[in-house]
Structure formats: C-alpha cells, structure tokens
Amino acid sequence: MPMSPYPVICYTPRCGAPAVYKIAARWSDGTTNELKTYALTCAACLAKSFASAVAKRATCRLTVGETLDAPGVYDLARGARDRALARRPDLEAQLPSS
C-alpha cells in the first residue's frame, strides 16, 4: 500500500518547513534494535534540534541489556525503513554538540 502524500513537517514549534532530516539514535534491548527518533527537522533547525537530542540522550537511563548510541543525523526518505536511511556524519561533524 503506498504511503499517503501528507507533508512531514519540522518538529520545531512554529517552524512549518518540510522536514529533511531525522535525528535518531540506535537503540537495542539485546534482542530488538531500532532507531529512537528525537526529531524530524528542516535544515534551518538542524543544529538546535541536534543539540536538544544530545541533551535528551544524556538524561536517558537504560536497563540491563539496553544500549543507546549517540544521536546521529539521517536523511529523511519517504517510505524508507530506518535501516535504509543514509547517515550524515558530514553534517554531524559540523554541529557544535557532536
């Protein structure tokens, strides 16, 4: 079934621009793994959203067997599963909180 064409909007309040990046961290409980999403963001809000994700990650408490990597920046692609998203270390290196 094809995805509906609704717009994906930046999470930043009052922004309204289309989101082009996903800020997320790899999470696992030892059996399952996935990307934990912190934000969907436009290019203009990327630095602020990434800094917020780093701060939120620092406060996460994990149980025995859980792992949570540092947040990363991924290209947002309509209809693509998390495993197919391209990580953007080039952008991460430019961000002050990385």
PDB file of N, CA and C in Angstrom:
ATOM      1  N   MET A   1       0.854  -1.174   0.000  1.00  0.00           N
ATOM      2  CA  MET A   1       0.000   0.000   0.000  1.00  0.00           C
ATOM      3  C   MET A   1       0.899   1.235   0.000  1.00  0.00           C
ATOM      4  N   PRO A   2       0.726   2.144  -0.947  1.00  0.00           N
ATOM      5  CA  PRO A   2       1.552   3.348  -0.990  1.00  0.00           C
ATOM      6  C   PRO A   2       1.244   4.290   0.169  1.00  0.00           C
ATOM      7  N   MET A   3       2.282   5.020   0.564  1.00  0.00           N
ATOM      8  CA  MET A   3       2.086   5.990   1.650  1.00  0.00           C
ATOM      9  C   MET A   3       1.270   7.177   1.144  1.00  0.00           C
ATOM     10  N   SER A   4       0.482   7.739   2.034  1.00  0.00           N
ATOM     11  CA  SER A   4      -0.276   8.934   1.662  1.00  0.00           C
ATOM     12  C   SER A   4       0.695  10.104   1.520  1.00  0.00           C
ATOM     13  N   PRO A   5       0.366  11.076   0.700  1.00  0.00           N
ATOM     14  CA  PRO A   5       1.301  12.170   0.417  1.00  0.00           C
ATOM     15  C   PRO A   5       1.281  13.325   1.421  1.00  0.00           C
ATOM     16  N   TYR A   6       0.947  13.037   2.676  1.00  0.00           N
ATOM     17  CA  TYR A   6       0.914  14.126   3.648  1.00  0.00           C
ATOM     18  C   TYR A   6       2.331  14.669   3.864  1.00  0.00           C
ATOM     19  N   PRO A   7       2.459  15.967   4.139  1.00  0.00           N
ATOM     20  CA  PRO A   7       3.795  16.541   4.349  1.00  0.00           C
ATOM     21  C   PRO A   7       4.353  16.169   5.728  1.00  0.00           C
ATOM     22  N   VAL A   8       5.637  15.957   5.792  1.00  0.00           N
ATOM     23  CA  VAL A   8       6.318  15.721   7.062  1.00  0.00           C
ATOM     24  C   VAL A   8       6.940  17.055   7.445  1.00  0.00           C
ATOM     25  N   ILE A   9       6.498  17.601   8.568  1.00  0.00           N
ATOM     26  CA  ILE A   9       6.867  18.957   8.985  1.00  0.00           C
ATOM     27  C   ILE A   9       7.899  18.908  10.108  1.00  0.00           C
ATOM     28  N   CYS A  10       8.780  19.878  10.115  1.00  0.00           N
ATOM     29  CA  CYS A  10       9.796  20.035  11.155  1.00  0.00           C
ATOM     30  C   CYS A  10       9.128  20.082  12.528  1.00  0.00           C
ATOM     31  N   TYR A  11       9.727  19.379  13.507  1.00  0.00           N
ATOM     32  CA  TYR A  11       9.191  19.331  14.869  1.00  0.00           C
ATOM     33  C   TYR A  11       9.331  20.655  15.626  1.00  0.00           C
ATOM     34  N   THR A  12      10.184  21.551  15.169  1.00  0.00           N
ATOM     35  CA  THR A  12      10.405  22.811  15.882  1.00  0.00           C
ATOM     36  C   THR A  12       9.109  23.624  15.900  1.00  0.00           C
ATOM     37  N   PRO A  13       8.651  24.033  17.080  1.00  0.00           N
ATOM     38  CA  PRO A  13       7.416  24.809  17.155  1.00  0.00           C
ATOM     39  C   PRO A  13       7.456  26.049  16.264  1.00  0.00           C
ATOM     40  N   ARG A  14       6.371  26.284  15.588  1.00  0.00           N
ATOM     41  CA  ARG A  14       6.164  27.441  14.714  1.00  0.00           C
ATOM     42  C   ARG A  14       7.097  27.476  13.506  1.00  0.00           C
ATOM     43  N   CYS A  15       7.764  26.380  13.180  1.00  0.00           N
ATOM     44  CA  CYS A  15       8.639  26.365  12.003  1.00  0.00           C
ATOM     45  C   CYS A  15       7.803  26.145  10.743  1.00  0.00           C
ATOM     46  N   GLY A  16       7.180  24.990  10.630  1.00  0.00           N
ATOM     47  CA  GLY A  16       6.311  24.715   9.493  1.00  0.00           C
ATOM     48  C   GLY A  16       7.001  24.293   8.210  1.00  0.00           C
ATOM     49  N   ALA A  17       8.333  24.284   8.193  1.00  0.00           N
ATOM     50  CA  ALA A  17       9.069  23.891   6.983  1.00  0.00           C
ATOM     51  C   ALA A  17       9.062  22.364   6.844  1.00  0.00           C
ATOM     52  N   PRO A  18       9.222  21.876   5.624  1.00  0.00           N
ATOM     53  CA  PRO A  18       9.302  20.426   5.445  1.00  0.00           C
ATOM     54  C   PRO A  18      10.539  19.851   6.150  1.00  0.00           C
ATOM     55  N   ALA A  19      10.364  18.715   6.797  1.00  0.00           N
ATOM     56  CA  ALA A  19      11.491  18.036   7.444  1.00  0.00           C
ATOM     57  C   ALA A  19      12.301  17.306   6.376  1.00  0.00           C
ATOM     58  N   VAL A  20      13.622  17.412   6.479  1.00  0.00           N
ATOM     59  CA  VAL A  20      14.507  16.723   5.532  1.00  0.00           C
ATOM     60  C   VAL A  20      15.493  15.796   6.245  1.00  0.00           C
ATOM     61  N   TYR A  21      15.565  15.902   7.585  1.00  0.00           N
ATOM     62  CA  TYR A  21      16.470  15.067   8.371  1.00  0.00           C
ATOM     63  C   TYR A  21      15.732  14.414   9.534  1.00  0.00           C
ATOM     64  N   LYS A  22      16.219  13.242   9.903  1.00  0.00           N
ATOM     65  CA  LYS A  22      15.746  12.544  11.093  1.00  0.00           C
ATOM     66  C   LYS A  22      16.920  12.495  12.063  1.00  0.00           C
ATOM     67  N   ILE A  23      16.730  12.975  13.276  1.00  0.00           N
ATOM     68  CA  ILE A  23      17.746  12.872  14.312  1.00  0.00           C
ATOM     69  C   ILE A  23      17.337  11.687  15.184  1.00  0.00           C
ATOM     70  N   ALA A  24      18.203  10.696  15.232  1.00  0.00           N
ATOM     71  CA  ALA A  24      17.855   9.455  15.921  1.00  0.00           C
ATOM     72  C   ALA A  24      19.109   8.764  16.429  1.00  0.00           C
ATOM     73  N   ALA A  25      18.899   7.805  17.332  1.00  0.00           N
ATOM     74  CA  ALA A  25      19.997   7.012  17.883  1.00  0.00           C
ATOM     75  C   ALA A  25      19.616   5.538  17.825  1.00  0.00           C
ATOM     76  N   ARG A  26      20.585   4.704  17.546  1.00  0.00           N
ATOM     77  CA  ARG A  26      20.337   3.261  17.538  1.00  0.00           C
ATOM     78  C   ARG A  26      20.119   2.790  18.972  1.00  0.00           C
ATOM     79  N   TRP A  27      19.009   2.074  19.181  1.00  0.00           N
ATOM     80  CA  TRP A  27      18.646   1.521  20.482  1.00  0.00           C
ATOM     81  C   TRP A  27      18.490   0.022  20.338  1.00  0.00           C
ATOM     82  N   SER A  28      18.873  -0.715  21.382  1.00  0.00           N
ATOM     83  CA  SER A  28      18.668  -2.156  21.400  1.00  0.00           C
ATOM     84  C   SER A  28      18.422  -2.625  22.830  1.00  0.00           C
ATOM     85  N   ASP A  29      17.608  -3.661  22.943  1.00  0.00           N
ATOM     86  CA  ASP A  29      17.421  -4.308  24.242  1.00  0.00           C
ATOM     87  C   ASP A  29      18.129  -5.657  24.269  1.00  0.00           C
ATOM     88  N   GLY A  30      18.970  -5.901  23.279  1.00  0.00           N
ATOM     89  CA  GLY A  30      19.686  -7.158  23.173  1.00  0.00           C
ATOM     90  C   GLY A  30      19.039  -8.123  22.204  1.00  0.00           C
ATOM     91  N   THR A  31      17.751  -7.939  21.956  1.00  0.00           N
ATOM     92  CA  THR A  31      17.021  -8.786  21.015  1.00  0.00           C
ATOM     93  C   THR A  31      16.544  -7.975  19.821  1.00  0.00           C
ATOM     94  N   THR A  32      15.942  -6.856  20.112  1.00  0.00           N
ATOM     95  CA  THR A  32      15.388  -5.966  19.097  1.00  0.00           C
ATOM     96  C   THR A  32      16.272  -4.732  18.991  1.00  0.00           C
ATOM     97  N   ASN A  33      16.357  -4.171  17.773  1.00  0.00           N
ATOM     98  CA  ASN A  33      17.038  -2.880  17.640  1.00  0.00           C
ATOM     99  C   ASN A  33      16.263  -2.015  16.670  1.00  0.00           C
ATOM    100  N   GLU A  34      16.355  -0.722  16.895  1.00  0.00           N
ATOM    101  CA  GLU A  34      15.636   0.250  16.078  1.00  0.00           C
ATOM    102  C   GLU A  34      16.275   1.615  16.258  1.00  0.00           C
ATOM    103  N   LEU A  35      15.807   2.572  15.467  1.00  0.00           N
ATOM    104  CA  LEU A  35      16.228   3.952  15.663  1.00  0.00           C
ATOM    105  C   LEU A  35      15.239   4.625  16.609  1.00  0.00           C
ATOM    106  N   LYS A  36      15.756   5.228  17.669  1.00  0.00           N
ATOM    107  CA  LYS A  36      14.933   6.023  18.578  1.00  0.00           C
ATOM    108  C   LYS A  36      14.935   7.440  18.013  1.00  0.00           C
ATOM    109  N   THR A  37      13.786   7.910  17.601  1.00  0.00           N
ATOM    110  CA  THR A  37      13.683   9.220  16.974  1.00  0.00           C
ATOM    111  C   THR A  37      13.618  10.324  18.022  1.00  0.00           C
ATOM    112  N   TYR A  38      14.486  11.310  17.857  1.00  0.00           N
ATOM    113  CA  TYR A  38      14.455  12.500  18.702  1.00  0.00           C
ATOM    114  C   TYR A  38      13.742  13.645  18.001  1.00  0.00           C
ATOM    115  N   ALA A  39      13.928  13.767  16.681  1.00  0.00           N
ATOM    116  CA  ALA A  39      13.299  14.868  15.949  1.00  0.00           C
ATOM    117  C   ALA A  39      13.308  14.599  14.456  1.00  0.00           C
ATOM    118  N   LEU A  40      12.334  15.192  13.784  1.00  0.00           N
ATOM    119  CA  LEU A  40      12.340  15.334  12.343  1.00  0.00           C
ATOM    120  C   LEU A  40      12.513  16.823  12.132  1.00  0.00           C
ATOM    121  N   THR A  41      13.467  17.214  11.305  1.00  0.00           N
ATOM    122  CA  THR A  41      13.827  18.625  11.264  1.00  0.00           C
ATOM    123  C   THR A  41      14.176  19.116   9.864  1.00  0.00           C
ATOM    124  N   CYS A  42      14.009  20.400   9.673  1.00  0.00           N
ATOM    125  CA  CYS A  42      14.439  21.051   8.430  1.00  0.00           C
ATOM    126  C   CYS A  42      15.910  21.432   8.584  1.00  0.00           C
ATOM    127  N   ALA A  43      16.528  21.854   7.513  1.00  0.00           N
ATOM    128  CA  ALA A  43      17.945  22.224   7.547  1.00  0.00           C
ATOM    129  C   ALA A  43      18.200  23.418   8.465  1.00  0.00           C
ATOM    130  N   ALA A  44      17.285  24.370   8.484  1.00  0.00           N
ATOM    131  CA  ALA A  44      17.477  25.573   9.306  1.00  0.00           C
ATOM    132  C   ALA A  44      17.438  25.272  10.802  1.00  0.00           C
ATOM    133  N   CYS A  45      16.683  24.262  11.211  1.00  0.00           N
ATOM    134  CA  CYS A  45      16.533  23.930  12.628  1.00  0.00           C
ATOM    135  C   CYS A  45      17.443  22.781  13.055  1.00  0.00           C
ATOM    136  N   LEU A  46      18.282  22.279  12.159  1.00  0.00           N
ATOM    137  CA  LEU A  46      19.082  21.092  12.439  1.00  0.00           C
ATOM    138  C   LEU A  46      19.979  21.251  13.663  1.00  0.00           C
ATOM    139  N   ALA A  47      20.739  22.320  13.753  1.00  0.00           N
ATOM    140  CA  ALA A  47      21.689  22.488  14.863  1.00  0.00           C
ATOM    141  C   ALA A  47      20.969  22.517  16.212  1.00  0.00           C
ATOM    142  N   LYS A  48      19.885  23.262  16.295  1.00  0.00           N
ATOM    143  CA  LYS A  48      19.135  23.359  17.546  1.00  0.00           C
ATOM    144  C   LYS A  48      18.505  22.017  17.912  1.00  0.00           C
ATOM    145  N   SER A  49      17.934  21.340  16.935  1.00  0.00           N
ATOM    146  CA  SER A  49      17.305  20.038  17.182  1.00  0.00           C
ATOM    147  C   SER A  49      18.335  18.988  17.585  1.00  0.00           C
ATOM    148  N   PHE A  50      19.514  19.032  16.970  1.00  0.00           N
ATOM    149  CA  PHE A  50      20.555  18.071  17.293  1.00  0.00           C
ATOM    150  C   PHE A  50      21.061  18.295  18.723  1.00  0.00           C
ATOM    151  N   ALA A  51      21.267  19.550  19.095  1.00  0.00           N
ATOM    152  CA  ALA A  51      21.716  19.861  20.458  1.00  0.00           C
ATOM    153  C   ALA A  51      20.686  19.383  21.479  1.00  0.00           C
ATOM    154  N   SER A  52      19.417  19.551  21.175  1.00  0.00           N
ATOM    155  CA  SER A  52      18.355  19.083  22.062  1.00  0.00           C
ATOM    156  C   SER A  52      18.384  17.557  22.185  1.00  0.00           C
ATOM    157  N   ALA A  53      18.619  16.863  21.080  1.00  0.00           N
ATOM    158  CA  ALA A  53      18.695  15.402  21.097  1.00  0.00           C
ATOM    159  C   ALA A  53      19.866  14.917  21.938  1.00  0.00           C
ATOM    160  N   VAL A  54      21.013  15.572  21.826  1.00  0.00           N
ATOM    161  CA  VAL A  54      22.190  15.200  22.616  1.00  0.00           C
ATOM    162  C   VAL A  54      21.888  15.373  24.105  1.00  0.00           C
ATOM    163  N   ALA A  55      21.220  16.470  24.455  1.00  0.00           N
ATOM    164  CA  ALA A  55      20.861  16.716  25.860  1.00  0.00           C
ATOM    165  C   ALA A  55      19.867  15.670  26.365  1.00  0.00           C
ATOM    166  N   LYS A  56      18.881  15.323  25.555  1.00  0.00           N
ATOM    167  CA  LYS A  56      17.909  14.304  25.955  1.00  0.00           C
ATOM    168  C   LYS A  56      18.583  12.948  26.123  1.00  0.00           C
ATOM    169  N   ARG A  57      19.499  12.615  25.221  1.00  0.00           N
ATOM    170  CA  ARG A  57      20.210  11.335  25.301  1.00  0.00           C
ATOM    171  C   ARG A  57      20.993  11.252  26.611  1.00  0.00           C
ATOM    172  N   ALA A  58      21.575  12.349  27.034  1.00  0.00           N
ATOM    173  CA  ALA A  58      22.380  12.372  28.256  1.00  0.00           C
ATOM    174  C   ALA A  58      21.543  12.049  29.501  1.00  0.00           C
ATOM    175  N   THR A  59      20.241  12.263  29.437  1.00  0.00           N
ATOM    176  CA  THR A  59      19.384  12.005  30.597  1.00  0.00           C
ATOM    177  C   THR A  59      18.721  10.629  30.568  1.00  0.00           C
ATOM    178  N   CYS A  60      18.921   9.884  29.484  1.00  0.00           N
ATOM    179  CA  CYS A  60      18.292   8.556  29.378  1.00  0.00           C
ATOM    180  C   CYS A  60      18.906   7.573  30.358  1.00  0.00           C
ATOM    181  N   ARG A  61      18.046   6.843  31.029  1.00  0.00           N
ATOM    182  CA  ARG A  61      18.504   5.770  31.905  1.00  0.00           C
ATOM    183  C   ARG A  61      18.162   4.460  31.220  1.00  0.00           C
ATOM    184  N   LEU A  62      19.124   3.580  31.148  1.00  0.00           N
ATOM    185  CA  LEU A  62      18.941   2.306  30.474  1.00  0.00           C
ATOM    186  C   LEU A  62      18.867   1.175  31.481  1.00  0.00           C
ATOM    187  N   THR A  63      18.139   0.136  31.152  1.00  0.00           N
ATOM    188  CA  THR A  63      18.091  -1.042  31.997  1.00  0.00           C
ATOM    189  C   THR A  63      19.175  -2.018  31.541  1.00  0.00           C
ATOM    190  N   VAL A  64      19.388  -3.057  32.307  1.00  0.00           N
ATOM    191  CA  VAL A  64      20.394  -4.060  31.989  1.00  0.00           C
ATOM    192  C   VAL A  64      20.109  -4.634  30.603  1.00  0.00           C
ATOM    193  N   GLY A  65      21.126  -4.652  29.764  1.00  0.00           N
ATOM    194  CA  GLY A  65      20.993  -5.200  28.420  1.00  0.00           C
ATOM    195  C   GLY A  65      20.624  -4.194  27.352  1.00  0.00           C
ATOM    196  N   GLU A  66      20.207  -3.001  27.750  1.00  0.00           N
ATOM    197  CA  GLU A  66      19.861  -1.977  26.762  1.00  0.00           C
ATOM    198  C   GLU A  66      21.103  -1.201  26.345  1.00  0.00           C
ATOM    199  N   THR A  67      21.116  -0.788  25.085  1.00  0.00           N
ATOM    200  CA  THR A  67      22.151   0.118  24.590  1.00  0.00           C
ATOM    201  C   THR A  67      21.470   1.245  23.826  1.00  0.00           C
ATOM    202  N   LEU A  68      22.054   2.417  23.879  1.00  0.00           N
ATOM    203  CA  LEU A  68      21.544   3.567  23.142  1.00  0.00           C
ATOM    204  C   LEU A  68      22.746   4.373  22.667  1.00  0.00           C
ATOM    205  N   ASP A  69      22.975   4.380  21.371  1.00  0.00           N
ATOM    206  CA  ASP A  69      24.092   5.120  20.799  1.00  0.00           C
ATOM    207  C   ASP A  69      23.842   6.624  20.870  1.00  0.00           C
ATOM    208  N   ALA A  70      24.874   7.378  20.562  1.00  0.00           N
ATOM    209  CA  ALA A  70      24.740   8.834  20.471  1.00  0.00           C
ATOM    210  C   ALA A  70      23.829   9.175  19.293  1.00  0.00           C
ATOM    211  N   PRO A  71      23.105  10.289  19.384  1.00  0.00           N
ATOM    212  CA  PRO A  71      22.251  10.686  18.264  1.00  0.00           C
ATOM    213  C   PRO A  71      23.056  10.927  16.990  1.00  0.00           C
ATOM    214  N   GLY A  72      22.419  10.655  15.879  1.00  0.00           N
ATOM    215  CA  GLY A  72      23.009  10.893  14.566  1.00  0.00           C
ATOM    216  C   GLY A  72      22.006  11.592  13.671  1.00  0.00           C
ATOM    217  N   VAL A  73      22.484  12.094  12.553  1.00  0.00           N
ATOM    218  CA  VAL A  73      21.634  12.764  11.571  1.00  0.00           C
ATOM    219  C   VAL A  73      21.466  11.830  10.377  1.00  0.00           C
ATOM    220  N   TYR A  74      20.233  11.620   9.972  1.00  0.00           N
ATOM    221  CA  TYR A  74      19.909  10.754   8.846  1.00  0.00           C
ATOM    222  C   TYR A  74      19.085  11.533   7.835  1.00  0.00           C
ATOM    223  N   ASP A  75      19.297  11.251   6.534  1.00  0.00           N
ATOM    224  CA  ASP A  75      18.434  11.825   5.508  1.00  0.00           C
ATOM    225  C   ASP A  75      17.056  11.206   5.659  1.00  0.00           C
ATOM    226  N   LEU A  76      16.034  12.028   5.650  1.00  0.00           N
ATOM    227  CA  LEU A  76      14.670  11.545   5.749  1.00  0.00           C
ATOM    228  C   LEU A  76      14.211  11.163   4.348  1.00  0.00           C
ATOM    229  N   ALA A  77      13.760   9.939   4.177  1.00  0.00           N
ATOM    230  CA  ALA A  77      13.323   9.463   2.866  1.00  0.00           C
ATOM    231  C   ALA A  77      11.928   8.862   2.992  1.00  0.00           C
ATOM    232  N   ARG A  78      10.987   9.413   2.267  1.00  0.00           N
ATOM    233  CA  ARG A  78       9.597   8.955   2.316  1.00  0.00           C
ATOM    234  C   ARG A  78       9.519   7.479   1.948  1.00  0.00           C
ATOM    235  N   GLY A  79       8.878   6.707   2.827  1.00  0.00           N
ATOM    236  CA  GLY A  79       8.645   5.300   2.570  1.00  0.00           C
ATOM    237  C   GLY A  79       9.813   4.381   2.890  1.00  0.00           C
ATOM    238  N   ALA A  80      10.955   4.949   3.277  1.00  0.00           N
ATOM    239  CA  ALA A  80      12.130   4.124   3.576  1.00  0.00           C
ATOM    240  C   ALA A  80      12.113   3.670   5.027  1.00  0.00           C
ATOM    241  N   ARG A  81      12.510   2.444   5.255  1.00  0.00           N
ATOM    242  CA  ARG A  81      12.636   1.931   6.619  1.00  0.00           C
ATOM    243  C   ARG A  81      13.907   2.490   7.248  1.00  0.00           C
ATOM    244  N   ASP A  82      13.967   2.454   8.577  1.00  0.00           N
ATOM    245  CA  ASP A  82      15.119   3.001   9.302  1.00  0.00           C
ATOM    246  C   ASP A  82      16.446   2.463   8.779  1.00  0.00           C
ATOM    247  N   ARG A  83      16.503   1.170   8.501  1.00  0.00           N
ATOM    248  CA  ARG A  83      17.758   0.555   8.055  1.00  0.00           C
ATOM    249  C   ARG A  83      18.243   1.099   6.722  1.00  0.00           C
ATOM    250  N   ALA A  84      17.332   1.670   5.946  1.00  0.00           N
ATOM    251  CA  ALA A  84      17.687   2.186   4.628  1.00  0.00           C
ATOM    252  C   ALA A  84      18.080   3.670   4.652  1.00  0.00           C
ATOM    253  N   LEU A  85      17.887   4.338   5.784  1.00  0.00           N
ATOM    254  CA  LEU A  85      18.206   5.768   5.848  1.00  0.00           C
ATOM    255  C   LEU A  85      19.709   5.984   5.853  1.00  0.00           C
ATOM    256  N   ALA A  86      20.153   6.956   5.082  1.00  0.00           N
ATOM    257  CA  ALA A  86      21.583   7.278   4.993  1.00  0.00           C
ATOM    258  C   ALA A  86      21.971   8.198   6.146  1.00  0.00           C
ATOM    259  N   ARG A  87      22.994   7.782   6.900  1.00  0.00           N
ATOM    260  CA  ARG A  87      23.503   8.619   7.989  1.00  0.00           C
ATOM    261  C   ARG A  87      24.392   9.690   7.401  1.00  0.00           C
ATOM    262  N   ARG A  88      24.406  10.876   8.019  1.00  0.00           N
ATOM    263  CA  ARG A  88      25.148  12.032   7.520  1.00  0.00           C
ATOM    264  C   ARG A  88      26.235  12.483   8.490  1.00  0.00           C
ATOM    265  N   PRO A  89      27.337  11.706   8.603  1.00  0.00           N
ATOM    266  CA  PRO A  89      28.420  12.113   9.502  1.00  0.00           C
ATOM    267  C   PRO A  89      29.053  13.441   9.088  1.00  0.00           C
ATOM    268  N   ASP A  90      28.953  13.793   7.813  1.00  0.00           N
ATOM    269  CA  ASP A  90      29.473  15.077   7.355  1.00  0.00           C
ATOM    270  C   ASP A  90      28.739  16.233   8.018  1.00  0.00           C
ATOM    271  N   LEU A  91      27.420  16.116   8.163  1.00  0.00           N
ATOM    272  CA  LEU A  91      26.646  17.148   8.852  1.00  0.00           C
ATOM    273  C   LEU A  91      26.883  17.110  10.347  1.00  0.00           C
ATOM    274  N   GLU A  92      26.962  15.907  10.913  1.00  0.00           N
ATOM    275  CA  GLU A  92      27.197  15.768  12.352  1.00  0.00           C
ATOM    276  C   GLU A  92      28.496  16.443  12.770  1.00  0.00           C
ATOM    277  N   ALA A  93      29.521  16.341  11.933  1.00  0.00           N
ATOM    278  CA  ALA A  93      30.831  16.925  12.249  1.00  0.00           C
ATOM    279  C   ALA A  93      30.774  18.456  12.289  1.00  0.00           C
ATOM    280  N   GLN A  94      29.794  19.031  11.629  1.00  0.00           N
ATOM    281  CA  GLN A  94      29.661  20.495  11.583  1.00  0.00           C
ATOM    282  C   GLN A  94      28.838  21.057  12.750  1.00  0.00           C
ATOM    283  N   LEU A  95      28.190  20.168  13.507  1.00  0.00           N
ATOM    284  CA  LEU A  95      27.299  20.615  14.567  1.00  0.00           C
ATOM    285  C   LEU A  95      28.055  20.795  15.866  1.00  0.00           C
ATOM    286  N   PRO A  96      27.763  21.853  16.621  1.00  0.00           N
ATOM    287  CA  PRO A  96      28.523  22.150  17.834  1.00  0.00           C
ATOM    288  C   PRO A  96      28.417  21.120  18.951  1.00  0.00           C
ATOM    289  N   SER A  97      27.334  20.355  19.018  1.00  0.00           N
ATOM    290  CA  SER A  97      27.152  19.411  20.118  1.00  0.00           C
ATOM    291  C   SER A  97      27.629  18.000  19.779  1.00  0.00           C
ATOM    292  N   SER A  98      28.240  17.827  18.628  1.00  0.00           N
ATOM    293  CA  SER A  98      28.662  16.485  18.238  1.00  0.00           C
ATOM    294  C   SER A  98      29.997  16.125  18.818  1.00  0.00           C
TER     295      SER A  98
END
